[in-house]
Amino acid sequence: MNKFFFSSLILILTLQNIYGWGGSGHKLIVKHAMVLLPAEMKDFRKFSDYLIAEASQPDQRKKYMKDEYPKHFIDLDFFKEFNQARMIENKDSLYKIYGDSVVTLNGILPWVLEDTYRQLVLAMKQKLKEKTKELMRDLSHYFADAHQPMHTVLNYNGQLSGQTDIHERYESEMINAHLQELEKVFSTSIKVKRIDDPNREFFQIVYRANARCAILFFADKAAVLETSGKYDSLYYAILWFKTKYVTEEALQEAAEDIAAVYYTAWLEAGKPKFNSFK
């Protein structure tokens, strides 16, 4: 069974079960991203309730939009160039090597970030309130996914290493159990800056997320070893103990980057005033 077919099969079997940070995690991230918006954009905080309530809407679209699923991840290690430290970041160039169906099957998240960002800039320029709000919702969700380590690797659910369902154990079970603690780790004193090269930064985000994968897989194996394969309270205590700091970093970075991309889009759109949107 070749690598392409195997990854295709696994994706089909599990695509209904994989979500970014779980509903609570996505809400938490965008909530704090809106707090970080600079004073110049304070009026846009009026979108906060909507963005928090609709934080997982892009996940819901997977149920009825066939092209939605690949937008939430990229299996970086499928590409030999990434494994050889020379990842091709141009989608058309990857298409020429692997074909568009193979590239799409392994996820198109960085390019979706780019496309959604460009759409947001245009909506802000045109001062379209509802469109801007919807695109901010989508962008916040995709950005949060880009910070989720398991959304950057072929072994996204532990299915290739005998750690099946690690994705849900980590992002939903563990995150939900520690929401109150995670709520306290977000800094409100960070000064959001313009992103100089958005397209380049979008890939840097998924690279950083991918670098955290090894920690998650190691923590899961250590916890399973200690509990003799039981996913009990001790398992989750160990998993949290060994992944707490990288999880806190990932969530904080996601909030910062979402606020930064909103700010950058607004600047590129010419700083439109909130009360001029229709």
C-alpha atoms as a PDB file:
ATOM      1  CA  MET A   1       0.000   0.000   0.000  1.00  0.00           C
ATOM      2  CA  ASN A   2       1.671   3.252  -1.050  1.00  0.00           C
ATOM      3  CA  LYS A   3       1.899   6.300   1.155  1.00  0.00           C
ATOM      4  CA  PHE A   4      -0.600   8.330  -0.842  1.00  0.00           C
ATOM      5  CA  PHE A   5      -3.285   5.633  -0.750  1.00  0.00           C
ATOM      6  CA  PHE A   6      -2.743   4.932   2.928  1.00  0.00           C
ATOM      7  CA  SER A   7      -3.020   8.578   3.931  1.00  0.00           C
ATOM      8  CA  SER A   8      -6.125   8.900   1.737  1.00  0.00           C
ATOM      9  CA  LEU A   9      -7.760   5.936   3.433  1.00  0.00           C
ATOM     10  CA  ILE A  10      -7.005   7.162   6.913  1.00  0.00           C
ATOM     11  CA  LEU A  11      -8.319  10.621   6.067  1.00  0.00           C
ATOM     12  CA  ILE A  12     -11.603   9.225   4.771  1.00  0.00           C
ATOM     13  CA  LEU A  13     -12.098   7.009   7.807  1.00  0.00           C
ATOM     14  CA  THR A  14     -11.508   9.756  10.352  1.00  0.00           C
ATOM     15  CA  LEU A  15     -12.445  13.045   8.710  1.00  0.00           C
ATOM     16  CA  GLN A  16     -15.630  13.407  10.745  1.00  0.00           C
ATOM     17  CA  ASN A  17     -13.775  13.338  14.055  1.00  0.00           C
ATOM     18  CA  ILE A  18     -10.960  15.845  13.700  1.00  0.00           C
ATOM     19  CA  TYR A  19     -11.421  19.425  14.851  1.00  0.00           C
ATOM     20  CA  GLY A  20      -8.973  22.207  15.657  1.00  0.00           C
ATOM     21  CA  TRP A  21      -8.962  23.106  19.348  1.00  0.00           C
ATOM     22  CA  GLY A  22     -12.466  21.895  20.083  1.00  0.00           C
ATOM     23  CA  GLY A  23     -15.318  24.369  20.353  1.00  0.00           C
ATOM     24  CA  SER A  24     -14.225  25.758  23.711  1.00  0.00           C
ATOM     25  CA  GLY A  25     -10.632  26.241  22.607  1.00  0.00           C
ATOM     26  CA  HIS A  26     -11.613  28.181  19.500  1.00  0.00           C
ATOM     27  CA  LYS A  27     -13.896  30.455  21.532  1.00  0.00           C
ATOM     28  CA  LEU A  28     -11.141  31.071  24.060  1.00  0.00           C
ATOM     29  CA  ILE A  29      -8.612  32.026  21.397  1.00  0.00           C
ATOM     30  CA  VAL A  30     -10.760  34.502  19.481  1.00  0.00           C
ATOM     31  CA  LYS A  31     -12.064  36.025  22.707  1.00  0.00           C
ATOM     32  CA  HIS A  32      -8.547  37.010  23.712  1.00  0.00           C
ATOM     33  CA  ALA A  33      -7.569  38.002  20.182  1.00  0.00           C
ATOM     34  CA  MET A  34     -10.263  40.666  20.229  1.00  0.00           C
ATOM     35  CA  VAL A  35      -8.983  41.968  23.558  1.00  0.00           C
ATOM     36  CA  LEU A  36      -5.568  42.447  21.961  1.00  0.00           C
ATOM     37  CA  LEU A  37      -6.815  44.621  19.093  1.00  0.00           C
ATOM     38  CA  PRO A  38      -5.037  47.997  19.194  1.00  0.00           C
ATOM     39  CA  ALA A  39      -6.910  51.097  20.321  1.00  0.00           C
ATOM     40  CA  GLU A  40      -7.216  52.199  16.693  1.00  0.00           C
ATOM     41  CA  MET A  41      -9.514  49.239  16.089  1.00  0.00           C
ATOM     42  CA  LYS A  42     -11.412  49.302  19.371  1.00  0.00           C
ATOM     43  CA  ASP A  43     -14.784  49.690  17.630  1.00  0.00           C
ATOM     44  CA  PHE A  44     -14.260  46.350  15.889  1.00  0.00           C
ATOM     45  CA  ARG A  45     -14.511  44.715  19.304  1.00  0.00           C
ATOM     46  CA  LYS A  46     -18.265  45.049  18.808  1.00  0.00           C
ATOM     47  CA  PHE A  47     -17.886  41.914  16.683  1.00  0.00           C
ATOM     48  CA  SER A  48     -16.579  39.946  19.677  1.00  0.00           C
ATOM     49  CA  ASP A  49     -19.827  38.287  20.713  1.00  0.00           C
ATOM     50  CA  TYR A  50     -20.489  37.142  17.159  1.00  0.00           C
ATOM     51  CA  LEU A  51     -16.938  35.864  16.626  1.00  0.00           C
ATOM     52  CA  ILE A  52     -16.965  33.922  19.889  1.00  0.00           C
ATOM     53  CA  ALA A  53     -20.398  32.412  19.273  1.00  0.00           C
ATOM     54  CA  GLU A  54     -19.533  31.443  15.676  1.00  0.00           C
ATOM     55  CA  ALA A  55     -15.928  30.385  16.324  1.00  0.00           C
ATOM     56  CA  SER A  56     -16.532  26.798  15.191  1.00  0.00           C
ATOM     57  CA  GLN A  57     -18.784  27.547  12.233  1.00  0.00           C
ATOM     58  CA  PRO A  58     -16.074  26.621   9.672  1.00  0.00           C
ATOM     59  CA  ASP A  59     -15.924  23.162  11.271  1.00  0.00           C
ATOM     60  CA  GLN A  60     -19.671  22.808  10.842  1.00  0.00           C
ATOM     61  CA  ARG A  61     -19.315  23.552   7.132  1.00  0.00           C
ATOM     62  CA  LYS A  62     -17.390  20.307   6.703  1.00  0.00           C
ATOM     63  CA  LYS A  63     -20.718  18.508   6.978  1.00  0.00           C
ATOM     64  CA  TYR A  64     -22.181  20.059   3.840  1.00  0.00           C
ATOM     65  CA  MET A  65     -19.311  21.616   1.872  1.00  0.00           C
ATOM     66  CA  LYS A  66     -17.039  19.052   0.210  1.00  0.00           C
ATOM     67  CA  ASP A  67     -14.171  21.491  -0.297  1.00  0.00           C
ATOM     68  CA  GLU A  68     -14.054  22.686   3.328  1.00  0.00           C
ATOM     69  CA  TYR A  69     -12.189  19.840   5.005  1.00  0.00           C
ATOM     70  CA  PRO A  70      -8.702  20.385   3.449  1.00  0.00           C
ATOM     71  CA  LYS A  71      -8.775  24.044   4.467  1.00  0.00           C
ATOM     72  CA  HIS A  72      -8.119  23.196   8.113  1.00  0.00           C
ATOM     73  CA  PHE A  73      -4.746  21.437   7.949  1.00  0.00           C
ATOM     74  CA  ILE A  74      -1.581  20.675   6.010  1.00  0.00           C
ATOM     75  CA  ASP A  75       0.355  17.427   6.321  1.00  0.00           C
ATOM     76  CA  LEU A  76       3.774  19.036   5.990  1.00  0.00           C
ATOM     77  CA  ASP A  77       5.704  15.805   6.319  1.00  0.00           C
ATOM     78  CA  PHE A  78       3.956  14.286   3.308  1.00  0.00           C
ATOM     79  CA  PHE A  79       6.169  16.502   1.140  1.00  0.00           C
ATOM     80  CA  LYS A  80       9.749  15.315   0.712  1.00  0.00           C
ATOM     81  CA  GLU A  81      10.865  18.935   0.401  1.00  0.00           C
ATOM     82  CA  PHE A  82       9.699  19.691   3.937  1.00  0.00           C
ATOM     83  CA  ASN A  83      11.477  16.606   5.273  1.00  0.00           C
ATOM     84  CA  GLN A  84      14.639  17.849   3.558  1.00  0.00           C
ATOM     85  CA  ALA A  85      14.260  21.356   5.046  1.00  0.00           C
ATOM     86  CA  ARG A  86      13.394  23.011   1.729  1.00  0.00           C
ATOM     87  CA  MET A  87       9.604  23.229   1.729  1.00  0.00           C
ATOM     88  CA  ILE A  88       8.043  24.646  -1.438  1.00  0.00           C
ATOM     89  CA  GLU A  89       5.626  27.325  -0.292  1.00  0.00           C
ATOM     90  CA  ASN A  90       4.211  28.189  -3.700  1.00  0.00           C
ATOM     91  CA  LYS A  91       1.061  26.126  -4.278  1.00  0.00           C
ATOM     92  CA  ASP A  92       1.314  26.153  -8.069  1.00  0.00           C
ATOM     93  CA  SER A  93       4.857  24.818  -7.852  1.00  0.00           C
ATOM     94  CA  LEU A  94       3.685  21.985  -5.611  1.00  0.00           C
ATOM     95  CA  TYR A  95       0.833  21.268  -8.031  1.00  0.00           C
ATOM     96  CA  LYS A  96       3.355  20.761 -10.831  1.00  0.00           C
ATOM     97  CA  ILE A  97       5.255  18.190  -8.764  1.00  0.00           C
ATOM     98  CA  TYR A  98       2.454  16.306  -6.996  1.00  0.00           C
ATOM     99  CA  GLY A  99      -0.737  17.261  -8.818  1.00  0.00           C
ATOM    100  CA  ASP A 100      -3.491  19.438  -7.414  1.00  0.00           C
ATOM    101  CA  SER A 101      -5.569  16.528  -6.041  1.00  0.00           C
ATOM    102  CA  VAL A 102      -2.649  15.167  -3.987  1.00  0.00           C
ATOM    103  CA  VAL A 103      -1.731  18.582  -2.628  1.00  0.00           C
ATOM    104  CA  THR A 104      -5.361  19.251  -1.720  1.00  0.00           C
ATOM    105  CA  LEU A 105      -5.741  15.857  -0.065  1.00  0.00           C
ATOM    106  CA  ASN A 106      -2.825  16.689   2.222  1.00  0.00           C
ATOM    107  CA  GLY A 107      -4.282  20.045   3.182  1.00  0.00           C
ATOM    108  CA  ILE A 108      -4.142  23.612   1.931  1.00  0.00           C
ATOM    109  CA  LEU A 109      -4.257  25.563   5.193  1.00  0.00           C
ATOM    110  CA  PRO A 110      -1.424  28.093   4.582  1.00  0.00           C
ATOM    111  CA  TRP A 111      -2.903  29.106   1.236  1.00  0.00           C
ATOM    112  CA  VAL A 112      -6.380  29.342   2.737  1.00  0.00           C
ATOM    113  CA  LEU A 113      -4.952  31.761   5.301  1.00  0.00           C
ATOM    114  CA  GLU A 114      -3.563  33.833   2.448  1.00  0.00           C
ATOM    115  CA  ASP A 115      -6.763  33.754   0.415  1.00  0.00           C
ATOM    116  CA  THR A 116      -9.044  34.532   3.368  1.00  0.00           C
ATOM    117  CA  TYR A 117      -6.750  37.358   4.433  1.00  0.00           C
ATOM    118  CA  ARG A 118      -6.913  38.902   0.946  1.00  0.00           C
ATOM    119  CA  GLN A 119     -10.695  38.601   0.943  1.00  0.00           C
ATOM    120  CA  LEU A 120     -10.821  40.354   4.320  1.00  0.00           C
ATOM    121  CA  VAL A 121      -8.701  43.235   3.060  1.00  0.00           C
ATOM    122  CA  LEU A 122     -11.072  43.665   0.106  1.00  0.00           C
ATOM    123  CA  ALA A 123     -14.181  43.499   2.292  1.00  0.00           C
ATOM    124  CA  MET A 124     -12.722  46.142   4.600  1.00  0.00           C
ATOM    125  CA  LYS A 125     -11.845  48.372   1.653  1.00  0.00           C
ATOM    126  CA  GLN A 126     -15.415  48.067   0.415  1.00  0.00           C
ATOM    127  CA  LYS A 127     -16.682  48.645   3.968  1.00  0.00           C
ATOM    128  CA  LEU A 128     -18.945  45.606   3.884  1.00  0.00           C
ATOM    129  CA  LYS A 129     -19.891  44.972   7.495  1.00  0.00           C
ATOM    130  CA  GLU A 130     -21.396  41.480   7.273  1.00  0.00           C
ATOM    131  CA  LYS A 131     -18.736  40.222   4.870  1.00  0.00           C
ATOM    132  CA  THR A 132     -15.977  41.611   7.067  1.00  0.00           C
ATOM    133  CA  LYS A 133     -17.473  39.968  10.134  1.00  0.00           C
ATOM    134  CA  GLU A 134     -17.802  36.593   8.407  1.00  0.00           C
ATOM    135  CA  LEU A 135     -14.262  36.693   7.061  1.00  0.00           C
ATOM    136  CA  MET A 136     -12.883  37.646  10.479  1.00  0.00           C
ATOM    137  CA  ARG A 137     -14.711  34.604  11.837  1.00  0.00           C
ATOM    138  CA  ASP A 138     -13.234  32.290   9.207  1.00  0.00           C
ATOM    139  CA  LEU A 139      -9.751  33.736   9.500  1.00  0.00           C
ATOM    140  CA  SER A 140      -9.711  33.385  13.285  1.00  0.00           C
ATOM    141  CA  HIS A 141     -10.733  29.744  12.990  1.00  0.00           C
ATOM    142  CA  TYR A 142      -8.160  28.880  10.335  1.00  0.00           C
ATOM    143  CA  PHE A 143      -5.445  30.703  12.273  1.00  0.00           C
ATOM    144  CA  ALA A 144      -6.295  28.771  15.416  1.00  0.00           C
ATOM    145  CA  ASP A 145      -6.098  25.533  13.417  1.00  0.00           C
ATOM    146  CA  ALA A 146      -2.703  26.593  12.056  1.00  0.00           C
ATOM    147  CA  HIS A 147      -1.405  26.735  15.641  1.00  0.00           C
ATOM    148  CA  GLN A 148      -2.687  23.219  16.420  1.00  0.00           C
ATOM    149  CA  PRO A 149       0.298  20.841  16.045  1.00  0.00           C
ATOM    150  CA  MET A 150      -1.875  17.928  14.941  1.00  0.00           C
ATOM    151  CA  HIS A 151      -3.096  19.969  11.987  1.00  0.00           C
ATOM    152  CA  THR A 152       0.392  20.009  10.469  1.00  0.00           C
ATOM    153  CA  VAL A 153       1.365  16.335  10.357  1.00  0.00           C
ATOM    154  CA  LEU A 154       0.383  13.090   8.597  1.00  0.00           C
ATOM    155  CA  ASN A 155       0.078  11.296  11.916  1.00  0.00           C
ATOM    156  CA  TYR A 156      -2.581  13.798  12.981  1.00  0.00           C
ATOM    157  CA  ASN A 157      -4.593  11.302  15.017  1.00  0.00           C
ATOM    158  CA  GLY A 158      -1.798   8.976  16.120  1.00  0.00           C
ATOM    159  CA  GLN A 159      -3.063   6.459  13.571  1.00  0.00           C
ATOM    160  CA  LEU A 160       0.450   5.801  12.256  1.00  0.00           C
ATOM    161  CA  SER A 161       2.122   5.276  15.638  1.00  0.00           C
ATOM    162  CA  GLY A 162      -0.395   3.236  17.601  1.00  0.00           C
ATOM    163  CA  GLN A 163      -1.721   6.330  19.388  1.00  0.00           C
ATOM    164  CA  THR A 164      -5.155   6.482  17.797  1.00  0.00           C
ATOM    165  CA  ASP A 165      -7.423   9.313  18.994  1.00  0.00           C
ATOM    166  CA  ILE A 166      -4.602  11.349  20.513  1.00  0.00           C
ATOM    167  CA  HIS A 167      -6.054  14.303  18.608  1.00  0.00           C
ATOM    168  CA  GLU A 168      -9.309  14.282  20.560  1.00  0.00           C
ATOM    169  CA  ARG A 169      -7.660  13.375  23.853  1.00  0.00           C
ATOM    170  CA  TYR A 170      -5.344  16.343  23.562  1.00  0.00           C
ATOM    171  CA  GLU A 171      -7.449  19.052  21.981  1.00  0.00           C
ATOM    172  CA  SER A 172     -10.858  18.324  23.502  1.00  0.00           C
ATOM    173  CA  GLU A 173     -10.652  16.183  26.625  1.00  0.00           C
ATOM    174  CA  MET A 174      -7.543  17.797  28.047  1.00  0.00           C
ATOM    175  CA  ILE A 175      -8.263  21.346  26.895  1.00  0.00           C
ATOM    176  CA  ASN A 176     -11.818  21.255  28.241  1.00  0.00           C
ATOM    177  CA  ALA A 177     -10.586  20.019  31.601  1.00  0.00           C
ATOM    178  CA  HIS A 178      -8.201  22.973  31.960  1.00  0.00           C
ATOM    179  CA  LEU A 179     -10.149  25.876  30.477  1.00  0.00           C
ATOM    180  CA  GLN A 180     -10.068  27.887  33.687  1.00  0.00           C
ATOM    181  CA  GLU A 181      -6.306  27.574  33.918  1.00  0.00           C
ATOM    182  CA  LEU A 182      -5.843  28.410  30.256  1.00  0.00           C
ATOM    183  CA  GLU A 183      -8.053  31.456  30.629  1.00  0.00           C
ATOM    184  CA  LYS A 184      -5.446  32.926  32.966  1.00  0.00           C
ATOM    185  CA  VAL A 185      -2.404  32.494  30.716  1.00  0.00           C
ATOM    186  CA  PHE A 186      -3.383  35.051  28.090  1.00  0.00           C
ATOM    187  CA  SER A 187      -1.496  38.318  28.313  1.00  0.00           C
ATOM    188  CA  THR A 188      -3.409  41.536  27.679  1.00  0.00           C
ATOM    189  CA  SER A 189      -0.333  43.776  27.655  1.00  0.00           C
ATOM    190  CA  ILE A 190       1.062  42.662  24.293  1.00  0.00           C
ATOM    191  CA  LYS A 191       1.295  45.366  21.651  1.00  0.00           C
ATOM    192  CA  VAL A 192       0.035  44.003  18.348  1.00  0.00           C
ATOM    193  CA  LYS A 193       2.219  44.863  15.368  1.00  0.00           C
ATOM    194  CA  ARG A 194       1.682  44.858  11.622  1.00  0.00           C
ATOM    195  CA  ILE A 195       2.778  41.685   9.843  1.00  0.00           C
ATOM    196  CA  ASP A 196       5.405  42.752   7.307  1.00  0.00           C
ATOM    197  CA  ASP A 197       5.124  39.717   5.035  1.00  0.00           C
ATOM    198  CA  PRO A 198       1.787  37.946   5.665  1.00  0.00           C
ATOM    199  CA  ASN A 199       2.288  35.122   3.178  1.00  0.00           C
ATOM    200  CA  ARG A 200       5.681  34.219   4.620  1.00  0.00           C
ATOM    201  CA  GLU A 201       4.388  34.470   8.184  1.00  0.00           C
ATOM    202  CA  PHE A 202       1.511  32.094   7.461  1.00  0.00           C
ATOM    203  CA  PHE A 203       3.977  29.308   6.706  1.00  0.00           C
ATOM    204  CA  GLN A 204       6.108  30.196   9.706  1.00  0.00           C
ATOM    205  CA  ILE A 205       3.058  29.640  11.900  1.00  0.00           C
ATOM    206  CA  VAL A 206       2.487  26.079  10.689  1.00  0.00           C
ATOM    207  CA  TYR A 207       6.220  25.329  10.943  1.00  0.00           C
ATOM    208  CA  ARG A 208       6.195  26.394  14.596  1.00  0.00           C
ATOM    209  CA  ALA A 209       3.116  24.298  15.271  1.00  0.00           C
ATOM    210  CA  ASN A 210       4.680  21.271  13.600  1.00  0.00           C
ATOM    211  CA  ALA A 211       7.751  21.586  15.809  1.00  0.00           C
ATOM    212  CA  ARG A 212       5.543  20.917  18.844  1.00  0.00           C
ATOM    213  CA  CYS A 213       4.218  17.587  17.535  1.00  0.00           C
ATOM    214  CA  ALA A 214       7.030  15.499  18.989  1.00  0.00           C
ATOM    215  CA  ILE A 215       6.253  16.781  22.482  1.00  0.00           C
ATOM    216  CA  LEU A 216       2.606  15.753  22.206  1.00  0.00           C
ATOM    217  CA  PHE A 217       3.387  12.271  20.915  1.00  0.00           C
ATOM    218  CA  PHE A 218       6.025  11.763  23.610  1.00  0.00           C
ATOM    219  CA  ALA A 219       3.654  12.959  26.352  1.00  0.00           C
ATOM    220  CA  ASP A 220       0.929  10.580  25.184  1.00  0.00           C
ATOM    221  CA  LYS A 221       3.285   7.595  25.146  1.00  0.00           C
ATOM    222  CA  ALA A 222       4.652   8.452  28.579  1.00  0.00           C
ATOM    223  CA  ALA A 223       1.158   8.768  30.023  1.00  0.00           C
ATOM    224  CA  VAL A 224      -0.030   5.504  28.457  1.00  0.00           C
ATOM    225  CA  LEU A 225       3.050   3.687  29.771  1.00  0.00           C
ATOM    226  CA  GLU A 226       2.435   4.948  33.300  1.00  0.00           C
ATOM    227  CA  THR A 227      -1.249   3.977  33.295  1.00  0.00           C
ATOM    228  CA  SER A 228      -0.785   0.641  31.486  1.00  0.00           C
ATOM    229  CA  GLY A 229      -2.896   1.830  28.573  1.00  0.00           C
ATOM    230  CA  LYS A 230      -5.756   3.324  30.561  1.00  0.00           C
ATOM    231  CA  TYR A 231      -7.052   6.751  29.569  1.00  0.00           C
ATOM    232  CA  ASP A 232      -8.005   7.609  33.113  1.00  0.00           C
ATOM    233  CA  SER A 233      -7.556  10.659  35.326  1.00  0.00           C
ATOM    234  CA  LEU A 234      -3.867   9.869  35.837  1.00  0.00           C
ATOM    235  CA  TYR A 235      -3.347   9.668  32.072  1.00  0.00           C
ATOM    236  CA  TYR A 236      -4.805  13.138  31.583  1.00  0.00           C
ATOM    237  CA  ALA A 237      -2.874  14.535  34.548  1.00  0.00           C
ATOM    238  CA  ILE A 238       0.376  13.341  32.979  1.00  0.00           C
ATOM    239  CA  LEU A 239      -0.618  14.549  29.513  1.00  0.00           C
ATOM    240  CA  TRP A 240      -1.361  18.002  30.903  1.00  0.00           C
ATOM    241  CA  PHE A 241       1.826  18.066  32.984  1.00  0.00           C
ATOM    242  CA  LYS A 242       3.970  17.299  29.944  1.00  0.00           C
ATOM    243  CA  THR A 243       2.172  19.493  27.390  1.00  0.00           C
ATOM    244  CA  LYS A 244       0.951  22.388  29.517  1.00  0.00           C
ATOM    245  CA  TYR A 245       3.616  24.892  28.543  1.00  0.00           C
ATOM    246  CA  VAL A 246       3.609  24.296  24.793  1.00  0.00           C
ATOM    247  CA  THR A 247      -0.201  24.375  24.854  1.00  0.00           C
ATOM    248  CA  GLU A 248      -0.240  27.691  26.673  1.00  0.00           C
ATOM    249  CA  GLU A 249       2.309  29.079  24.207  1.00  0.00           C
ATOM    250  CA  ALA A 250       0.313  27.873  21.210  1.00  0.00           C
ATOM    251  CA  LEU A 251      -2.957  29.400  22.426  1.00  0.00           C
ATOM    252  CA  GLN A 252      -1.323  32.717  23.317  1.00  0.00           C
ATOM    253  CA  GLU A 253       0.468  32.869  19.968  1.00  0.00           C
ATOM    254  CA  ALA A 254      -2.791  32.079  18.163  1.00  0.00           C
ATOM    255  CA  ALA A 255      -4.570  34.983  19.871  1.00  0.00           C
ATOM    256  CA  GLU A 256      -1.668  37.346  19.133  1.00  0.00           C
ATOM    257  CA  ASP A 257      -1.446  36.306  15.490  1.00  0.00           C
ATOM    258  CA  ILE A 258      -5.190  36.630  14.925  1.00  0.00           C
ATOM    259  CA  ALA A 259      -5.178  40.142  16.376  1.00  0.00           C
ATOM    260  CA  ALA A 260      -2.115  40.964  14.248  1.00  0.00           C
ATOM    261  CA  VAL A 261      -3.668  39.702  11.019  1.00  0.00           C
ATOM    262  CA  TYR A 262      -6.868  41.666  11.689  1.00  0.00           C
ATOM    263  CA  TYR A 263      -4.771  44.772  12.303  1.00  0.00           C
ATOM    264  CA  THR A 264      -2.643  44.190   9.204  1.00  0.00           C
ATOM    265  CA  ALA A 265      -5.706  43.690   6.999  1.00  0.00           C
ATOM    266  CA  TRP A 266      -7.252  46.882   8.384  1.00  0.00           C
ATOM    267  CA  LEU A 267      -4.067  48.865   7.700  1.00  0.00           C
ATOM    268  CA  GLU A 268      -3.807  47.466   4.179  1.00  0.00           C
ATOM    269  CA  ALA A 269      -7.448  48.377   3.598  1.00  0.00           C
ATOM    270  CA  GLY A 270      -6.661  52.014   4.394  1.00  0.00           C
ATOM    271  CA  LYS A 271      -7.821  52.164   8.039  1.00  0.00           C
ATOM    272  CA  PRO A 272     -11.563  52.342   7.318  1.00  0.00           C
ATOM    273  CA  LYS A 273     -13.640  53.699  10.200  1.00  0.00           C
ATOM    274  CA  PHE A 274     -15.973  51.187  11.773  1.00  0.00           C
ATOM    275  CA  ASN A 275     -18.985  53.494  11.642  1.00  0.00           C
ATOM    276  CA  SER A 276     -18.575  53.807   7.842  1.00  0.00           C
ATOM    277  CA  PHE A 277     -19.264  50.091   7.291  1.00  0.00           C
ATOM    278  CA  LYS A 278     -22.650  49.202   5.819  1.00  0.00           C
END
